[in-house]
Amino acid sequence: MRFTLPNGGCKMLPMTEVRMRINSQERTTICVYGKSDGEPILGRHTLAAFGLAADHEAETLVQPDMFLS
């Protein structure tokens, strides 16, 4: 899969689906493989699958209001 980097460049990275658990909830979500020594990151897609979002000021996860469109 092709990804756009913060500096505007592009990089091809392998991806797959994985089963994840946060507390007692389980979901199937996308996993993108980066550098082997890189820090694991929960992406926006995975957080949304669990009904969560990042509160950057408090540096924690929150349950935001969900919107239907």
N, C-alpha and C. Protein backbone atom coordinates (compact mmCIF):
# COMPACT_ATOMS: atom_id res chain seq x y z
N MET A 1 0.86 -1.17 0.00
CA MET A 1 0.00 0.00 0.00
C MET A 1 0.91 1.23 0.00
N ARG A 2 0.51 2.24 -0.73
CA ARG A 2 1.30 3.48 -0.83
C ARG A 2 0.81 4.48 0.21
N PHE A 3 1.75 5.04 0.98
CA PHE A 3 1.42 6.01 2.02
C PHE A 3 2.16 7.32 1.76
N THR A 4 1.50 8.44 2.05
CA THR A 4 2.13 9.75 1.95
C THR A 4 2.75 10.08 3.30
N LEU A 5 4.01 10.49 3.29
CA LEU A 5 4.75 10.82 4.50
C LEU A 5 4.56 12.28 4.87
N PRO A 6 4.82 12.65 6.14
CA PRO A 6 4.67 14.04 6.55
C PRO A 6 5.49 15.03 5.72
N ASN A 7 6.64 14.59 5.19
CA ASN A 7 7.47 15.49 4.38
C ASN A 7 7.01 15.58 2.93
N GLY A 8 5.89 14.91 2.60
CA GLY A 8 5.34 14.96 1.26
C GLY A 8 5.77 13.81 0.37
N GLY A 9 6.76 13.05 0.79
CA GLY A 9 7.21 11.89 0.03
C GLY A 9 6.23 10.73 0.15
N CYS A 10 6.50 9.66 -0.57
CA CYS A 10 5.65 8.47 -0.53
C CYS A 10 6.49 7.25 -0.20
N LYS A 11 5.85 6.26 0.40
CA LYS A 11 6.54 5.02 0.74
C LYS A 11 5.56 3.87 0.63
N MET A 12 6.03 2.76 0.08
CA MET A 12 5.24 1.54 0.00
C MET A 12 5.50 0.73 1.27
N LEU A 13 4.43 0.35 1.98
CA LEU A 13 4.56 -0.43 3.20
C LEU A 13 3.60 -1.61 3.15
N PRO A 14 4.02 -2.77 3.66
CA PRO A 14 3.12 -3.92 3.69
C PRO A 14 2.05 -3.74 4.75
N MET A 15 0.88 -4.31 4.50
CA MET A 15 -0.20 -4.23 5.48
C MET A 15 -1.01 -5.51 5.44
N THR A 16 -1.75 -5.75 6.53
CA THR A 16 -2.60 -6.92 6.66
C THR A 16 -3.71 -6.60 7.65
N GLU A 17 -4.59 -7.54 7.89
CA GLU A 17 -5.60 -7.41 8.93
C GLU A 17 -5.17 -8.24 10.13
N VAL A 18 -5.40 -7.71 11.33
CA VAL A 18 -5.06 -8.42 12.56
C VAL A 18 -6.23 -8.31 13.53
N ARG A 19 -6.28 -9.22 14.47
CA ARG A 19 -7.29 -9.18 15.54
C ARG A 19 -6.66 -8.48 16.72
N MET A 20 -7.33 -7.43 17.24
CA MET A 20 -6.81 -6.66 18.38
C MET A 20 -7.80 -6.69 19.53
N ARG A 21 -7.27 -6.56 20.73
CA ARG A 21 -8.11 -6.48 21.93
C ARG A 21 -7.69 -5.27 22.74
N ILE A 22 -8.66 -4.45 23.09
CA ILE A 22 -8.47 -3.35 24.04
C ILE A 22 -9.48 -3.58 25.14
N ASN A 23 -8.98 -3.76 26.35
CA ASN A 23 -9.80 -4.18 27.48
C ASN A 23 -10.52 -5.47 27.10
N SER A 24 -11.83 -5.52 27.12
CA SER A 24 -12.54 -6.76 26.81
C SER A 24 -13.13 -6.75 25.39
N GLN A 25 -12.87 -5.70 24.61
CA GLN A 25 -13.42 -5.62 23.26
C GLN A 25 -12.40 -6.11 22.24
N GLU A 26 -12.88 -6.88 21.25
CA GLU A 26 -12.02 -7.36 20.17
C GLU A 26 -12.55 -6.88 18.83
N ARG A 27 -11.62 -6.52 17.95
CA ARG A 27 -11.96 -6.06 16.61
C ARG A 27 -10.91 -6.56 15.63
N THR A 28 -11.31 -6.70 14.37
CA THR A 28 -10.37 -6.92 13.28
C THR A 28 -10.06 -5.56 12.70
N THR A 29 -8.77 -5.25 12.54
CA THR A 29 -8.38 -3.93 12.06
C THR A 29 -7.16 -4.04 11.16
N ILE A 30 -6.77 -2.94 10.57
CA ILE A 30 -5.64 -2.89 9.64
C ILE A 30 -4.33 -2.73 10.42
N CYS A 31 -3.31 -3.45 9.98
CA CYS A 31 -1.97 -3.34 10.55
C CYS A 31 -1.01 -2.99 9.42
N VAL A 32 -0.29 -1.88 9.56
CA VAL A 32 0.71 -1.46 8.58
C VAL A 32 2.08 -1.71 9.20
N TYR A 33 2.94 -2.40 8.48
CA TYR A 33 4.27 -2.72 8.99
C TYR A 33 5.27 -1.64 8.60
N GLY A 34 5.93 -1.07 9.63
CA GLY A 34 6.96 -0.06 9.41
C GLY A 34 8.32 -0.64 9.73
N LYS A 35 9.19 0.20 10.27
CA LYS A 35 10.53 -0.24 10.63
C LYS A 35 10.47 -1.26 11.77
N SER A 36 11.35 -2.26 11.71
CA SER A 36 11.35 -3.31 12.74
C SER A 36 11.70 -2.76 14.12
N ASP A 37 12.45 -1.67 14.18
CA ASP A 37 12.81 -1.08 15.48
C ASP A 37 11.95 0.14 15.81
N GLY A 38 10.89 0.36 15.02
CA GLY A 38 10.01 1.51 15.23
C GLY A 38 9.04 1.28 16.38
N GLU A 39 8.50 2.37 16.89
CA GLU A 39 7.53 2.31 17.99
C GLU A 39 6.15 1.94 17.46
N PRO A 40 5.46 0.97 18.08
CA PRO A 40 4.10 0.64 17.63
C PRO A 40 3.15 1.82 17.84
N ILE A 41 2.26 2.03 16.91
CA ILE A 41 1.33 3.16 16.96
C ILE A 41 -0.08 2.65 16.69
N LEU A 42 -1.05 3.09 17.49
CA LEU A 42 -2.46 2.84 17.19
C LEU A 42 -2.94 3.96 16.27
N GLY A 43 -3.39 3.60 15.09
CA GLY A 43 -3.84 4.60 14.13
C GLY A 43 -5.28 5.00 14.35
N ARG A 44 -5.70 6.04 13.64
CA ARG A 44 -7.05 6.58 13.76
C ARG A 44 -8.11 5.53 13.39
N HIS A 45 -7.81 4.72 12.37
CA HIS A 45 -8.77 3.68 11.95
C HIS A 45 -9.02 2.68 13.09
N THR A 46 -7.96 2.22 13.73
CA THR A 46 -8.09 1.26 14.83
C THR A 46 -8.81 1.89 16.02
N LEU A 47 -8.45 3.12 16.36
CA LEU A 47 -9.12 3.79 17.48
C LEU A 47 -10.61 3.95 17.21
N ALA A 48 -10.97 4.33 15.98
CA ALA A 48 -12.39 4.50 15.63
C ALA A 48 -13.13 3.18 15.71
N ALA A 49 -12.48 2.08 15.35
CA ALA A 49 -13.12 0.76 15.42
C ALA A 49 -13.52 0.42 16.85
N PHE A 50 -12.78 0.95 17.81
CA PHE A 50 -13.08 0.72 19.23
C PHE A 50 -13.88 1.86 19.84
N GLY A 51 -14.29 2.85 19.04
CA GLY A 51 -15.04 3.99 19.56
C GLY A 51 -14.18 4.90 20.42
N LEU A 52 -12.90 5.00 20.08
CA LEU A 52 -11.96 5.81 20.87
C LEU A 52 -11.32 6.89 20.00
N ALA A 53 -10.78 7.91 20.65
CA ALA A 53 -10.02 8.96 19.98
C ALA A 53 -8.93 9.42 20.93
N ALA A 54 -7.91 10.05 20.38
CA ALA A 54 -6.81 10.56 21.19
C ALA A 54 -7.13 11.95 21.70
N ASP A 55 -6.94 12.18 22.98
CA ASP A 55 -6.99 13.52 23.57
C ASP A 55 -5.54 13.95 23.69
N HIS A 56 -5.08 14.76 22.73
CA HIS A 56 -3.66 15.11 22.66
C HIS A 56 -3.21 15.97 23.83
N GLU A 57 -4.07 16.81 24.35
CA GLU A 57 -3.69 17.66 25.49
C GLU A 57 -3.50 16.82 26.75
N ALA A 58 -4.42 15.89 27.02
CA ALA A 58 -4.34 15.05 28.22
C ALA A 58 -3.48 13.80 27.99
N GLU A 59 -3.09 13.57 26.72
CA GLU A 59 -2.30 12.38 26.35
C GLU A 59 -2.95 11.09 26.85
N THR A 60 -4.25 10.96 26.51
CA THR A 60 -5.01 9.77 26.89
C THR A 60 -6.02 9.44 25.80
N LEU A 61 -6.69 8.31 25.94
CA LEU A 61 -7.75 7.94 25.01
C LEU A 61 -9.09 8.30 25.62
N VAL A 62 -10.01 8.78 24.79
CA VAL A 62 -11.35 9.18 25.26
C VAL A 62 -12.40 8.53 24.36
N GLN A 63 -13.63 8.47 24.85
CA GLN A 63 -14.76 7.99 24.05
C GLN A 63 -15.54 9.20 23.56
N PRO A 64 -15.30 9.63 22.32
CA PRO A 64 -15.97 10.82 21.80
C PRO A 64 -17.40 10.50 21.35
N ASP A 65 -18.20 11.55 21.12
CA ASP A 65 -19.51 11.36 20.51
C ASP A 65 -19.29 10.84 19.10
N MET A 66 -20.09 9.89 18.69
CA MET A 66 -20.00 9.33 17.36
C MET A 66 -21.06 9.99 16.48
N PHE A 67 -20.74 10.23 15.22
CA PHE A 67 -21.65 10.90 14.31
C PHE A 67 -22.06 9.96 13.19
N LEU A 68 -23.34 10.03 12.82
CA LEU A 68 -23.85 9.29 11.67
C LEU A 68 -24.00 10.27 10.53
N SER A 69 -23.64 9.85 9.33
CA SER A 69 -23.82 10.74 8.18
C SER A 69 -24.44 10.00 7.03
